[in-house]
Amino acid sequence: MNNDTSAYLLPNYEDDPKAGRILSRYFGLIFDEQLAAWWTNERDCPSNRDLRTFKRWFEVEFHSIVLDLVDGLLFDDE
């Protein structure tokens, strides 16, 4: 299941404690997005979607650099 993981662009951070605060701020949105991508039946999804549950369900990695190598305009496919 972890062969093609999702990446989310988040605000810059300077250290691990700040990265943790950023995750605390955005984990709910990420949780909802990931569950919706996997399965649409809400009854099968966890009812408790707190940060602790998020960390049990997902492996989180922070990367400080994202490079766009495509020479073209960005667009939203929705």
Protein backbone atom coordinates (compact mmCIF):
# COMPACT_ATOMS: atom_id res chain seq x y z
CA MET A 1 0.00 0.00 0.00
CA ASN A 2 2.95 2.34 0.54
CA ASN A 3 4.30 2.02 -3.00
CA ASP A 4 2.70 5.24 -4.24
CA THR A 5 2.36 7.62 -1.32
CA SER A 6 0.86 11.10 -1.29
CA ALA A 7 2.83 14.29 -0.73
CA TYR A 8 1.39 17.44 0.83
CA LEU A 9 2.98 20.86 0.65
CA LEU A 10 2.92 22.50 4.08
CA PRO A 11 4.30 25.78 5.46
CA ASN A 12 8.05 26.05 6.03
CA TYR A 13 9.42 24.91 9.37
CA GLU A 14 12.77 25.40 11.05
CA ASP A 15 12.97 22.50 13.50
CA ASP A 16 11.27 19.28 14.62
CA PRO A 17 9.01 20.92 17.24
CA LYS A 18 7.68 23.34 14.61
CA ALA A 19 7.13 20.44 12.18
CA GLY A 20 5.06 18.76 14.89
CA ARG A 21 2.96 21.89 15.35
CA ILE A 22 2.38 22.10 11.60
CA LEU A 23 1.30 18.44 11.53
CA SER A 24 -1.08 19.13 14.44
CA ARG A 25 -2.63 21.91 12.39
CA TYR A 26 -3.08 19.98 9.13
CA PHE A 27 -3.45 16.29 10.05
CA GLY A 28 -7.28 16.45 9.98
CA LEU A 29 -7.34 17.62 6.37
CA ILE A 30 -4.79 15.00 5.37
CA PHE A 31 -6.68 12.28 7.26
CA ASP A 32 -9.94 13.12 5.49
CA GLU A 33 -8.28 13.32 2.06
CA GLN A 34 -6.53 9.97 2.45
CA LEU A 35 -9.61 8.16 3.72
CA ALA A 36 -11.73 9.59 0.90
CA ALA A 37 -9.16 8.39 -1.64
CA TRP A 38 -9.21 4.86 -0.22
CA TRP A 39 -12.84 4.27 0.67
CA THR A 40 -16.03 6.32 0.54
CA ASN A 41 -18.15 4.42 3.05
CA GLU A 42 -17.85 6.56 6.19
CA ARG A 43 -19.12 3.73 8.42
CA ASP A 44 -15.93 1.77 7.71
CA CYS A 45 -13.61 4.66 8.57
CA PRO A 46 -12.38 5.39 12.10
CA SER A 47 -14.77 7.60 14.05
CA ASN A 48 -11.94 8.93 16.21
CA ARG A 49 -9.72 10.99 13.92
CA ASP A 50 -7.41 12.60 16.43
CA LEU A 51 -3.67 13.06 15.99
CA ARG A 52 -2.87 9.85 17.87
CA THR A 53 -5.07 7.79 15.53
CA PHE A 54 -3.58 9.60 12.53
CA LYS A 55 -0.06 8.61 13.60
CA ARG A 56 -1.16 4.97 13.99
CA TRP A 57 -2.72 4.91 10.53
CA PHE A 58 -0.05 6.83 8.59
CA GLU A 59 3.70 7.00 8.31
CA VAL A 60 4.70 10.67 8.18
CA GLU A 61 7.89 11.99 6.59
CA PHE A 62 8.91 15.63 6.34
CA HIS A 63 11.07 16.75 3.43
CA SER A 64 12.39 20.29 3.20
CA ILE A 65 12.81 20.53 -0.56
CA VAL A 66 10.38 19.98 -3.43
CA LEU A 67 11.63 20.50 -6.96
CA ASP A 68 9.38 21.07 -9.96
CA LEU A 69 11.23 19.82 -13.04
CA VAL A 70 8.35 20.30 -15.48
CA ASP A 71 8.53 23.36 -17.69
CA GLY A 72 4.91 24.37 -17.72
CA LEU A 73 2.12 26.09 -15.85
CA LEU A 74 0.64 24.58 -12.73
CA PHE A 75 -3.05 23.72 -12.91
CA ASP A 76 -5.72 22.28 -10.68
CA ASP A 77 -7.22 19.18 -12.28
CA GLU A 78 -10.57 19.60 -10.48
